[in-house]
Each structure stands twice: as structure tokens, then as C-alpha cells.
Amino acid sequence: MSIWARISDAIAALRKGDSLSDVFGKLRTPPERTVAFAIAVIALGAKMAKADGQVTRNEVAAFREVFHIPAREEKNTARLFNLARQDVAGFEDYARKIRNMYGDDEKAPLCELLEGLFHIAMADGQYHPREDEFLSRVAEIFGLDDRRFKNVRAQFVPGADRDPYEVLGVDPDMPLEEIRKHWRRLVRDTHPDAMLARGVPEEAVKLAEKRMIAINQAWDEISERA
């Protein structure tokens, strides 16, 4: 069964009265978590797009850049997007349910989801304070520390503070060779095959392009200082 058929099933379950807890309870393990990731981007993305008070065409278009939606599934996807974007109420509870799908050592998929939300937030060329509050709170619920949140924000928001050591998640006093090893590990983790193995939908792998650019820029800057 395709990812979009499973999304249609989830939407049907919600419309019949099933709770999000019931729906997500069936999507905890691969490959079903790929479906859950897609639903999370749709629903949280819609709620986040509404956080600044309006949903623009650019924000909707940005979602389509993340996911290629088959024509036959556009109506079902639109239903979920429209249901979720009514307002921002309830996003915290929804984010918690997503967080509970992953173990304490599984931060990468949650970070990738946060990147998808930033992609939508910046689609209109502006980063609204309410969007920052929304995304900061989502990151907190996901268990991503402030350093991780700032790193992702720096990838997407022009002018945001960006420390190359923070981007790589290393301390400035670490030996250069250790930093190099850490950089190489991040590059491996950002490889499309590694992301797909973590249950990230193929359509969403393109979000890693900005992260890879930031990782390599950070390494270049650090190595030039040495």
C-alpha cells in the first residue's frame, strides 16, 4: 500500500472519530513511521503556517516542494491540510504524540521534521516572531536542545546567528582531527540512503540539502581557522 493510500486511511479514521493517539498508535514502526512523518509535516506544517495569522500561497507551495502529491491524492491531502490549519490550537499535544513515536536516541527524524517546518515558514520570505515561538516550542517538545534549534534556524533564516562549531555540535577546544571525524559522521548521516533508512519519505530527503550545505560551510570555516 502506498504512502498516500495510508494517509487517506488515516484521514478516514480521523473523520470517523478516531483520536490522533489511536491513529499514531498504528504508525510507530517502519515503514509505517514514514506515513506518520508525512502526516506530521502536513498537519504541523499547516498549523505553523497559520501561526503568523495567515496561510499564504507560497507556504502551500512550499509544502508541495517537500512532497510530490499524486493527482489522485490531492483532495485527501488538502482535507488534512485544511483541517489542521484552522488555527494553532492543539499543536503542542500533536507534537508530543509525534515525539512519543521515537526513542530517546532517535533525534534525527525529529530534526528533519523541524527542517520541513522551517522550509514552510520561510516560504513567504519572512520569519514572523510567532513562527519563531511556534517552532521553538515544537523543538522543545521534540527534545531538541537550544543549540540544535539555533542550528536549524541558521540554515533557513537569513541573518540568524550561526556559529560553525554549534552547527557541527562540537566544542571549539576539540582537536581539529576530532572535529573532522564528527563532520564526516554528519555528512554520512545526511546521505539520502541514511535518511531513507530512518523512515524519512523520499520526497522529504531534499530538505537535507540545506543542512548539508551548512555542515560543509561550517567545516570549511573551522578548517580555515586552524
Protein backbone atom coordinates (compact mmCIF):
# COMPACT_ATOMS: atom_id res chain seq x y z
CA MET A 1 0.00 0.00 0.00
CA SER A 2 1.40 3.41 -0.99
CA ILE A 3 2.22 6.16 1.47
CA TRP A 4 -0.62 8.29 0.09
CA ALA A 5 -3.13 5.45 0.38
CA ARG A 6 -2.14 5.06 4.04
CA ILE A 7 -2.54 8.81 4.55
CA SER A 8 -6.02 8.51 3.07
CA ASP A 9 -6.78 5.73 5.54
CA ALA A 10 -5.57 7.89 8.43
CA ILE A 11 -7.75 10.80 7.31
CA ALA A 12 -10.74 8.49 7.05
CA ALA A 13 -10.10 7.21 10.58
CA LEU A 14 -9.93 10.75 11.94
CA ARG A 15 -13.17 11.67 10.21
CA LYS A 16 -14.85 8.63 11.76
CA GLY A 17 -13.92 9.87 15.22
CA ASP A 18 -10.67 8.06 15.95
CA SER A 19 -8.26 10.12 18.03
CA LEU A 20 -4.79 11.12 16.92
CA SER A 21 -3.45 8.82 19.62
CA ASP A 22 -5.25 5.88 18.02
CA VAL A 23 -4.04 6.79 14.54
CA PHE A 24 -0.44 7.34 15.55
CA GLY A 25 -0.51 4.24 17.71
CA LYS A 26 -0.66 2.26 14.48
CA LEU A 27 2.29 4.11 12.91
CA ARG A 28 5.10 3.54 15.38
CA THR A 29 7.41 1.23 13.43
CA PRO A 30 9.00 1.31 9.97
CA PRO A 31 7.72 1.52 7.30
CA GLU A 32 4.60 2.98 8.88
CA ARG A 33 6.60 5.75 10.51
CA THR A 34 7.24 7.09 7.02
CA VAL A 35 3.49 7.65 6.76
CA ALA A 36 3.46 9.26 10.19
CA PHE A 37 6.30 11.58 9.17
CA ALA A 38 4.33 12.68 6.11
CA ILE A 39 1.17 13.29 8.14
CA ALA A 40 3.21 15.23 10.70
CA VAL A 41 4.61 17.53 8.03
CA ILE A 42 1.14 18.08 6.61
CA ALA A 43 -0.59 18.78 9.92
CA LEU A 44 2.12 20.63 11.84
CA GLY A 45 3.11 22.47 8.68
CA ALA A 46 -0.45 23.69 8.27
CA LYS A 47 -0.68 24.75 11.90
CA MET A 48 2.68 26.52 11.73
CA ALA A 49 1.73 28.30 8.51
CA LYS A 50 -1.26 29.70 10.40
CA ALA A 51 0.88 30.80 13.36
CA ASP A 52 1.56 34.23 11.85
CA GLY A 53 -2.15 34.78 11.27
CA GLN A 54 -2.45 33.76 7.64
CA VAL A 55 -1.68 30.95 5.25
CA THR A 56 -0.13 32.23 2.03
CA ARG A 57 0.02 30.61 -1.39
CA ASN A 58 3.80 30.49 -1.03
CA GLU A 59 3.52 28.44 2.15
CA VAL A 60 1.20 25.97 0.48
CA ALA A 61 3.58 25.84 -2.50
CA ALA A 62 6.49 25.19 -0.11
CA PHE A 63 4.70 22.14 1.22
CA ARG A 64 4.37 20.87 -2.34
CA GLU A 65 8.12 21.30 -2.76
CA VAL A 66 8.65 18.86 0.10
CA PHE A 67 6.08 16.33 -1.06
CA HIS A 68 5.13 15.38 -4.60
CA ILE A 69 1.43 14.62 -4.28
CA PRO A 70 -0.15 12.31 -6.86
CA ALA A 71 -3.13 13.96 -8.55
CA ARG A 72 -5.50 11.27 -7.26
CA GLU A 73 -4.48 12.03 -3.65
CA GLU A 74 -4.61 15.83 -3.76
CA LYS A 75 -8.13 16.04 -2.37
CA ASN A 76 -7.37 13.83 0.64
CA THR A 77 -4.15 15.68 1.38
CA ALA A 78 -5.93 19.02 1.06
CA ARG A 79 -8.56 17.84 3.55
CA LEU A 80 -5.93 17.13 6.20
CA PHE A 81 -4.07 20.36 5.47
CA ASN A 82 -7.27 22.40 5.69
CA LEU A 83 -8.43 20.68 8.89
CA ALA A 84 -5.11 21.33 10.58
CA ARG A 85 -4.71 24.95 9.51
CA GLN A 86 -7.96 26.16 11.11
CA ASP A 87 -5.87 27.56 13.97
CA VAL A 88 -2.79 26.75 16.06
CA ALA A 89 -4.74 25.33 18.99
CA GLY A 90 -3.64 21.84 19.94
CA PHE A 91 -0.30 21.82 18.16
CA GLU A 92 1.60 21.07 21.39
CA ASP A 93 -0.40 17.92 22.07
CA TYR A 94 0.07 16.86 18.46
CA ALA A 95 3.83 17.46 18.68
CA ARG A 96 4.00 15.33 21.83
CA LYS A 97 2.33 12.43 20.06
CA ILE A 98 4.91 12.67 17.28
CA ARG A 99 7.73 12.82 19.84
CA ASN A 100 6.46 9.67 21.53
CA MET A 101 6.81 7.76 18.28
CA TYR A 102 10.60 7.86 18.61
CA GLY A 103 13.05 6.69 21.23
CA ASP A 104 15.31 8.98 23.21
CA ASP A 105 18.21 8.23 20.87
CA GLU A 106 16.21 8.96 17.70
CA LYS A 107 16.59 12.72 17.31
CA ALA A 108 17.42 12.81 13.59
CA PRO A 109 13.87 12.28 12.24
CA LEU A 110 12.53 14.95 14.58
CA CYS A 111 15.24 17.37 13.49
CA GLU A 112 14.35 16.63 9.87
CA LEU A 113 10.71 17.34 10.58
CA LEU A 114 11.70 20.66 12.16
CA GLU A 115 13.63 21.49 8.99
CA GLY A 116 10.49 20.87 6.96
CA LEU A 117 8.56 23.31 9.14
CA PHE A 118 11.26 25.95 8.72
CA HIS A 119 11.09 25.43 4.96
CA ILE A 120 7.38 26.26 5.05
CA ALA A 121 7.86 29.16 7.48
CA MET A 122 10.35 30.88 5.18
CA ALA A 123 8.32 30.37 2.00
CA ASP A 124 6.93 33.92 2.14
CA GLY A 125 10.40 35.38 2.69
CA GLN A 126 9.68 36.47 6.26
CA TYR A 127 10.25 34.90 9.66
CA HIS A 128 7.48 36.07 11.95
CA PRO A 129 8.06 36.20 15.76
CA ARG A 130 5.02 33.97 16.23
CA GLU A 131 6.53 31.43 13.89
CA ASP A 132 9.70 31.53 15.96
CA GLU A 133 7.67 30.92 19.13
CA PHE A 134 5.82 28.06 17.46
CA LEU A 135 8.95 26.37 16.13
CA SER A 136 10.89 26.90 19.34
CA ARG A 137 8.12 25.23 21.32
CA VAL A 138 7.92 22.32 18.86
CA ALA A 139 11.68 21.83 19.15
CA GLU A 140 11.41 21.84 22.94
CA ILE A 141 8.67 19.20 22.88
CA PHE A 142 10.73 17.12 20.45
CA GLY A 143 13.57 17.14 22.99
CA LEU A 144 15.90 19.16 20.76
CA ASP A 145 18.12 21.45 22.78
CA ASP A 146 18.57 25.15 22.14
CA ARG A 147 21.80 24.58 20.22
CA ARG A 148 20.08 22.21 17.80
CA PHE A 149 17.19 24.63 17.32
CA LYS A 150 19.53 27.54 16.59
CA ASN A 151 21.49 25.41 14.14
CA VAL A 152 18.37 24.60 12.13
CA ARG A 153 17.19 28.20 12.28
CA ALA A 154 20.54 29.39 10.97
CA GLN A 155 20.16 27.11 7.94
CA PHE A 156 16.91 28.74 6.89
CA VAL A 157 16.68 32.25 8.33
CA PRO A 158 18.98 34.87 6.74
CA GLY A 159 20.89 36.85 9.34
CA ALA A 160 20.33 34.33 12.14
CA ASP A 161 23.27 33.79 14.46
CA ARG A 162 25.42 30.99 13.16
CA ASP A 163 28.42 29.54 14.97
CA PRO A 164 30.27 26.93 12.87
CA TYR A 165 31.13 24.92 15.99
CA GLU A 166 27.48 24.83 17.01
CA VAL A 167 26.47 23.78 13.51
CA LEU A 168 28.69 20.71 13.85
CA GLY A 169 27.79 20.24 17.50
CA VAL A 170 31.41 20.37 18.69
CA ASP A 171 33.38 22.41 21.21
CA PRO A 172 35.88 24.99 19.92
CA ASP A 173 38.68 23.45 22.01
CA MET A 174 38.35 20.00 20.41
CA PRO A 175 41.33 18.82 18.31
CA LEU A 176 40.82 19.50 14.62
CA GLU A 177 41.02 15.79 13.76
CA GLU A 178 38.18 15.03 16.18
CA ILE A 179 36.11 17.79 14.62
CA ARG A 180 36.89 16.33 11.19
CA LYS A 181 35.59 12.91 12.31
CA HIS A 182 32.42 14.49 13.63
CA TRP A 183 31.93 16.41 10.38
CA ARG A 184 32.34 13.21 8.34
CA ARG A 185 29.77 11.43 10.52
CA LEU A 186 27.27 14.24 9.97
CA VAL A 187 27.84 14.02 6.23
CA ARG A 188 27.19 10.28 6.32
CA ASP A 189 24.04 10.75 8.40
CA THR A 190 22.75 13.32 5.91
CA HIS A 191 23.19 10.99 2.95
CA PRO A 192 19.84 10.18 1.28
CA ASP A 193 20.24 6.42 1.89
CA ALA A 194 20.77 7.00 5.61
CA MET A 195 17.72 9.26 5.80
CA LEU A 196 15.52 6.76 3.96
CA ALA A 197 16.66 4.06 6.38
CA ARG A 198 15.41 6.24 9.24
CA GLY A 199 11.95 6.31 7.74
CA VAL A 200 12.11 9.74 6.11
CA PRO A 201 9.92 9.82 2.98
CA GLU A 202 11.85 10.05 -0.26
CA GLU A 203 10.07 13.29 -1.09
CA ALA A 204 11.36 14.91 2.09
CA VAL A 205 15.02 13.97 1.63
CA LYS A 206 15.56 17.15 -0.37
CA LEU A 207 15.26 19.05 2.93
CA ALA A 208 18.71 17.76 3.80
CA GLU A 209 20.27 19.83 1.03
CA LYS A 210 20.33 22.96 3.17
CA ARG A 211 21.71 21.02 6.12
CA MET A 212 24.50 19.53 4.02
CA ILE A 213 25.44 22.99 2.77
CA ALA A 214 25.53 24.33 6.34
CA ILE A 215 27.60 21.37 7.57
CA ASN A 216 30.20 21.76 4.83
CA GLN A 217 30.34 25.54 5.22
CA ALA A 218 30.93 25.12 8.95
CA TRP A 219 33.77 22.65 8.37
CA ASP A 220 35.37 24.91 5.76
CA GLU A 221 35.26 27.85 8.14
CA ILE A 222 36.72 25.85 11.04
CA SER A 223 39.46 24.25 8.96
CA GLU A 224 40.46 27.64 7.55
CA ARG A 225 40.92 28.96 11.07
CA ALA A 226 43.25 26.12 12.02
